[in-house]
Amino acid sequence: MDVSEFLERYGAGVTDFRGADLSNVALSQCELSGIDLSRANLNGASIRNVDFSEVNFTQANLQCVCLEQVSFYLSNLIETNFSNATLTEVFIVQSDLSRANFRQALLIESELRDVDLSEANLIELGIAGGVLKRVNFNGANLTKAGFEPRKINKYL
């Protein structure tokens, strides 16, 4: 599905995009609240200035995606694949990222607040700047992860 068809369908009230193939799309400056993108493929997508409030990304593939100034609020990101992704100025608040895969991903000046990263794969995750506050890392694999956030206030 190309980006114009996707946005046209969303504009017409469709919110169920489970399993959609949106690989390599370029999305910018839109609000996609309440959408279901579980098991969707967004591999290689470029997403900028998008609001994903109350979105379901369960088991979605966001491998090699470039996210910039994107927000996830009250979103379900369980088992989402962010491996090799770059997340710049991304805000993830009150969201579930349990068992998500961030292997070799990079978080730049991003904020994670009140999020669940339990049992997540954070192997070789790089964090440059940003804020981590009330993040649950229980059972997460932090092997070779590099944390350099401005402020870390986590609970385990």
C-alpha atoms as a PDB file:
ATOM      1  CA  MET A   1       0.000   0.000   0.000  1.00  0.00           C
ATOM      2  CA  ASP A   2       1.414   3.403  -0.849  1.00  0.00           C
ATOM      3  CA  VAL A   3       1.241   6.362   1.510  1.00  0.00           C
ATOM      4  CA  SER A   4      -1.495   8.223  -0.390  1.00  0.00           C
ATOM      5  CA  GLU A   5      -3.832   5.201  -0.291  1.00  0.00           C
ATOM      6  CA  PHE A   6      -3.048   4.680   3.396  1.00  0.00           C
ATOM      7  CA  LEU A   7      -3.807   8.306   4.309  1.00  0.00           C
ATOM      8  CA  GLU A   8      -6.915   8.367   2.109  1.00  0.00           C
ATOM      9  CA  ARG A   9      -8.313   5.270   3.816  1.00  0.00           C
ATOM     10  CA  TYR A  10      -7.449   6.657   7.265  1.00  0.00           C
ATOM     11  CA  GLY A  11      -9.125   9.966   6.354  1.00  0.00           C
ATOM     12  CA  ALA A  12     -12.251   8.006   5.376  1.00  0.00           C
ATOM     13  CA  GLY A  13     -12.405   6.525   8.876  1.00  0.00           C
ATOM     14  CA  VAL A  14     -10.549   3.238   8.407  1.00  0.00           C
ATOM     15  CA  THR A  15      -8.379   2.467  11.441  1.00  0.00           C
ATOM     16  CA  ASP A  16      -7.694  -1.252  10.931  1.00  0.00           C
ATOM     17  CA  PHE A  17      -4.415  -1.672   9.080  1.00  0.00           C
ATOM     18  CA  ARG A  18      -3.350  -4.944  10.706  1.00  0.00           C
ATOM     19  CA  GLY A  19      -0.637  -6.606   8.635  1.00  0.00           C
ATOM     20  CA  ALA A  20      -0.449  -3.747   6.118  1.00  0.00           C
ATOM     21  CA  ASP A  21       2.705  -3.454   4.022  1.00  0.00           C
ATOM     22  CA  LEU A  22       3.896   0.131   4.407  1.00  0.00           C
ATOM     23  CA  SER A  23       7.567  -0.593   3.875  1.00  0.00           C
ATOM     24  CA  ASN A  24       9.699   2.339   2.748  1.00  0.00           C
ATOM     25  CA  VAL A  25       6.827   4.852   3.034  1.00  0.00           C
ATOM     26  CA  ALA A  26       7.458   8.484   3.923  1.00  0.00           C
ATOM     27  CA  LEU A  27       4.937   9.817   6.454  1.00  0.00           C
ATOM     28  CA  SER A  28       5.076  13.340   7.778  1.00  0.00           C
ATOM     29  CA  GLN A  29       3.030  15.891   9.674  1.00  0.00           C
ATOM     30  CA  CYS A  30      -0.057  13.863  10.475  1.00  0.00           C
ATOM     31  CA  GLU A  31      -2.018  12.560  13.435  1.00  0.00           C
ATOM     32  CA  LEU A  32      -2.783   8.842  13.358  1.00  0.00           C
ATOM     33  CA  SER A  33      -4.625   8.341  16.644  1.00  0.00           C
ATOM     34  CA  GLY A  34      -6.438   5.127  17.447  1.00  0.00           C
ATOM     35  CA  ILE A  35      -5.037   3.221  14.490  1.00  0.00           C
ATOM     36  CA  ASP A  36      -4.272  -0.523  14.521  1.00  0.00           C
ATOM     37  CA  LEU A  37      -0.965  -1.292  12.813  1.00  0.00           C
ATOM     38  CA  SER A  38      -0.340  -4.597  14.571  1.00  0.00           C
ATOM     39  CA  ARG A  39       1.889  -6.904  12.518  1.00  0.00           C
ATOM     40  CA  ALA A  40       2.257  -4.128   9.898  1.00  0.00           C
ATOM     41  CA  ASN A  41       5.502  -3.884   7.949  1.00  0.00           C
ATOM     42  CA  LEU A  42       7.050  -0.409   8.011  1.00  0.00           C
ATOM     43  CA  ASN A  43      10.590  -1.619   7.311  1.00  0.00           C
ATOM     44  CA  GLY A  44      12.747   1.257   6.066  1.00  0.00           C
ATOM     45  CA  ALA A  45      10.016   3.876   6.489  1.00  0.00           C
ATOM     46  CA  SER A  46      10.765   7.536   7.147  1.00  0.00           C
ATOM     47  CA  ILE A  47       8.327   8.992   9.688  1.00  0.00           C
ATOM     48  CA  ARG A  48       8.543  12.629  10.786  1.00  0.00           C
ATOM     49  CA  ASN A  49       6.275  14.815  12.925  1.00  0.00           C
ATOM     50  CA  VAL A  50       3.604  12.150  13.449  1.00  0.00           C
ATOM     51  CA  ASP A  51       1.372  11.650  16.497  1.00  0.00           C
ATOM     52  CA  PHE A  52       0.657   7.984  17.232  1.00  0.00           C
ATOM     53  CA  SER A  53      -1.613   8.367  20.278  1.00  0.00           C
ATOM     54  CA  GLU A  54      -3.417   5.200  21.397  1.00  0.00           C
ATOM     55  CA  VAL A  55      -1.978   3.194  18.512  1.00  0.00           C
ATOM     56  CA  ASN A  56      -1.535  -0.574  18.383  1.00  0.00           C
ATOM     57  CA  PHE A  57       1.839  -1.569  16.905  1.00  0.00           C
ATOM     58  CA  THR A  58       1.926  -5.077  18.443  1.00  0.00           C
ATOM     59  CA  GLN A  59       4.460  -7.217  16.552  1.00  0.00           C
ATOM     60  CA  ALA A  60       4.908  -4.536  13.889  1.00  0.00           C
ATOM     61  CA  ASN A  61       8.140  -4.389  11.906  1.00  0.00           C
ATOM     62  CA  LEU A  62       9.816  -0.989  12.215  1.00  0.00           C
ATOM     63  CA  GLN A  63      13.261  -2.330  11.396  1.00  0.00           C
ATOM     64  CA  CYS A  64      15.612   0.256   9.871  1.00  0.00           C
ATOM     65  CA  VAL A  65      12.940   2.944  10.257  1.00  0.00           C
ATOM     66  CA  CYS A  66      13.838   6.590  10.754  1.00  0.00           C
ATOM     67  CA  LEU A  67      11.564   8.270  13.308  1.00  0.00           C
ATOM     68  CA  GLU A  68      11.960  11.984  13.943  1.00  0.00           C
ATOM     69  CA  GLN A  69       9.799  14.115  16.237  1.00  0.00           C
ATOM     70  CA  VAL A  70       7.273  11.314  16.612  1.00  0.00           C
ATOM     71  CA  SER A  71       5.120  10.753  19.686  1.00  0.00           C
ATOM     72  CA  PHE A  72       3.600   7.574  21.076  1.00  0.00           C
ATOM     73  CA  TYR A  73       1.144   8.162  23.921  1.00  0.00           C
ATOM     74  CA  LEU A  74      -0.818   5.299  25.517  1.00  0.00           C
ATOM     75  CA  SER A  75       0.354   3.072  22.690  1.00  0.00           C
ATOM     76  CA  ASN A  76       0.819  -0.675  22.492  1.00  0.00           C
ATOM     77  CA  LEU A  77       4.257  -1.520  21.096  1.00  0.00           C
ATOM     78  CA  ILE A  78       4.542  -5.056  22.474  1.00  0.00           C
ATOM     79  CA  GLU A  79       7.049  -7.167  20.512  1.00  0.00           C
ATOM     80  CA  THR A  80       7.572  -4.365  17.994  1.00  0.00           C
ATOM     81  CA  ASN A  81      10.807  -4.673  16.015  1.00  0.00           C
ATOM     82  CA  PHE A  82      12.836  -1.430  16.135  1.00  0.00           C
ATOM     83  CA  SER A  83      16.153  -3.134  15.312  1.00  0.00           C
ATOM     84  CA  ASN A  84      18.615  -0.886  13.477  1.00  0.00           C
ATOM     85  CA  ALA A  85      16.129   1.999  13.714  1.00  0.00           C
ATOM     86  CA  THR A  86      17.024   5.621  14.448  1.00  0.00           C
ATOM     87  CA  LEU A  87      14.661   7.466  16.786  1.00  0.00           C
ATOM     88  CA  THR A  88      15.399  11.200  17.041  1.00  0.00           C
ATOM     89  CA  GLU A  89      13.404  13.440  19.385  1.00  0.00           C
ATOM     90  CA  VAL A  90      10.836  10.692  19.865  1.00  0.00           C
ATOM     91  CA  PHE A  91       8.478  10.883  22.848  1.00  0.00           C
ATOM     92  CA  ILE A  92       7.105   7.608  24.229  1.00  0.00           C
ATOM     93  CA  VAL A  93       4.785   8.112  27.188  1.00  0.00           C
ATOM     94  CA  GLN A  94       2.652   5.618  29.139  1.00  0.00           C
ATOM     95  CA  SER A  95       3.219   2.925  26.528  1.00  0.00           C
ATOM     96  CA  ASP A  96       3.953  -0.795  26.592  1.00  0.00           C
ATOM     97  CA  LEU A  97       7.173  -1.824  24.846  1.00  0.00           C
ATOM     98  CA  SER A  98       7.524  -5.175  26.574  1.00  0.00           C
ATOM     99  CA  ARG A  99       9.486  -7.725  24.546  1.00  0.00           C
ATOM    100  CA  ALA A 100      10.236  -5.058  21.899  1.00  0.00           C
ATOM    101  CA  ASN A 101      13.430  -5.457  19.870  1.00  0.00           C
ATOM    102  CA  PHE A 102      15.747  -2.427  19.896  1.00  0.00           C
ATOM    103  CA  ARG A 103      18.878  -4.355  18.866  1.00  0.00           C
ATOM    104  CA  GLN A 104      21.432  -1.900  17.431  1.00  0.00           C
ATOM    105  CA  ALA A 105      18.863   0.918  17.447  1.00  0.00           C
ATOM    106  CA  LEU A 106      19.751   4.500  18.305  1.00  0.00           C
ATOM    107  CA  LEU A 107      17.699   6.875  20.484  1.00  0.00           C
ATOM    108  CA  ILE A 108      18.795  10.494  20.076  1.00  0.00           C
ATOM    109  CA  GLU A 109      17.423  13.218  22.387  1.00  0.00           C
ATOM    110  CA  SER A 110      14.314  11.095  22.974  1.00  0.00           C
ATOM    111  CA  GLU A 111      12.117  10.827  26.075  1.00  0.00           C
ATOM    112  CA  LEU A 112      10.685   7.652  27.542  1.00  0.00           C
ATOM    113  CA  ARG A 113       8.337   8.231  30.479  1.00  0.00           C
ATOM    114  CA  ASP A 114       6.247   5.649  32.298  1.00  0.00           C
ATOM    115  CA  VAL A 115       7.027   2.926  29.783  1.00  0.00           C
ATOM    116  CA  ASP A 116       7.404  -0.832  30.100  1.00  0.00           C
ATOM    117  CA  LEU A 117      10.531  -2.265  28.474  1.00  0.00           C
ATOM    118  CA  SER A 118      10.368  -5.533  30.393  1.00  0.00           C
ATOM    119  CA  GLU A 119      12.012  -8.436  28.592  1.00  0.00           C
ATOM    120  CA  ALA A 120      12.971  -6.131  25.708  1.00  0.00           C
ATOM    121  CA  ASN A 121      16.007  -6.818  23.532  1.00  0.00           C
ATOM    122  CA  LEU A 122      18.207  -3.756  24.066  1.00  0.00           C
ATOM    123  CA  ILE A 123      21.437  -5.372  22.859  1.00  0.00           C
ATOM    124  CA  GLU A 124      23.766  -2.673  21.518  1.00  0.00           C
ATOM    125  CA  LEU A 125      21.061  -0.013  21.895  1.00  0.00           C
ATOM    126  CA  GLY A 126      22.606   3.454  21.893  1.00  0.00           C
ATOM    127  CA  ILE A 127      21.040   6.356  23.767  1.00  0.00           C
ATOM    128  CA  ALA A 128      22.460   9.835  23.199  1.00  0.00           C
ATOM    129  CA  GLY A 129      20.845  12.559  25.285  1.00  0.00           C
ATOM    130  CA  GLY A 130      17.203  12.465  26.242  1.00  0.00           C
ATOM    131  CA  VAL A 131      15.313  11.458  29.359  1.00  0.00           C
ATOM    132  CA  LEU A 132      14.357   8.087  30.817  1.00  0.00           C
ATOM    133  CA  LYS A 133      11.863   8.376  33.651  1.00  0.00           C
ATOM    134  CA  ARG A 134       9.987   5.540  35.368  1.00  0.00           C
ATOM    135  CA  VAL A 135      11.075   2.929  32.826  1.00  0.00           C
ATOM    136  CA  ASN A 136      10.619  -0.747  33.668  1.00  0.00           C
ATOM    137  CA  PHE A 137      13.705  -2.705  32.511  1.00  0.00           C
ATOM    138  CA  ASN A 138      12.816  -5.972  34.312  1.00  0.00           C
ATOM    139  CA  GLY A 139      14.264  -8.886  32.358  1.00  0.00           C
ATOM    140  CA  ALA A 140      15.507  -6.664  29.532  1.00  0.00           C
ATOM    141  CA  ASN A 141      18.740  -7.661  27.805  1.00  0.00           C
ATOM    142  CA  LEU A 142      21.050  -4.637  28.108  1.00  0.00           C
ATOM    143  CA  THR A 143      24.187  -6.341  26.745  1.00  0.00           C
ATOM    144  CA  LYS A 144      26.513  -3.706  25.263  1.00  0.00           C
ATOM    145  CA  ALA A 145      23.811  -1.032  25.545  1.00  0.00           C
ATOM    146  CA  GLY A 146      25.218   2.484  25.788  1.00  0.00           C
ATOM    147  CA  PHE A 147      23.305   4.942  27.953  1.00  0.00           C
ATOM    148  CA  GLU A 148      24.191   8.619  27.898  1.00  0.00           C
ATOM    149  CA  PRO A 149      20.852  10.283  28.651  1.00  0.00           C
ATOM    150  CA  ARG A 150      20.705  13.643  30.376  1.00  0.00           C
ATOM    151  CA  LYS A 151      18.587  12.185  33.146  1.00  0.00           C
ATOM    152  CA  ILE A 152      17.851   8.631  34.189  1.00  0.00           C
ATOM    153  CA  ASN A 153      15.182   7.990  36.786  1.00  0.00           C
ATOM    154  CA  LYS A 154      14.212   4.357  36.425  1.00  0.00           C
ATOM    155  CA  TYR A 155      12.709   1.642  38.520  1.00  0.00           C
ATOM    156  CA  LEU A 156      13.439  -2.044  38.111  1.00  0.00           C
END
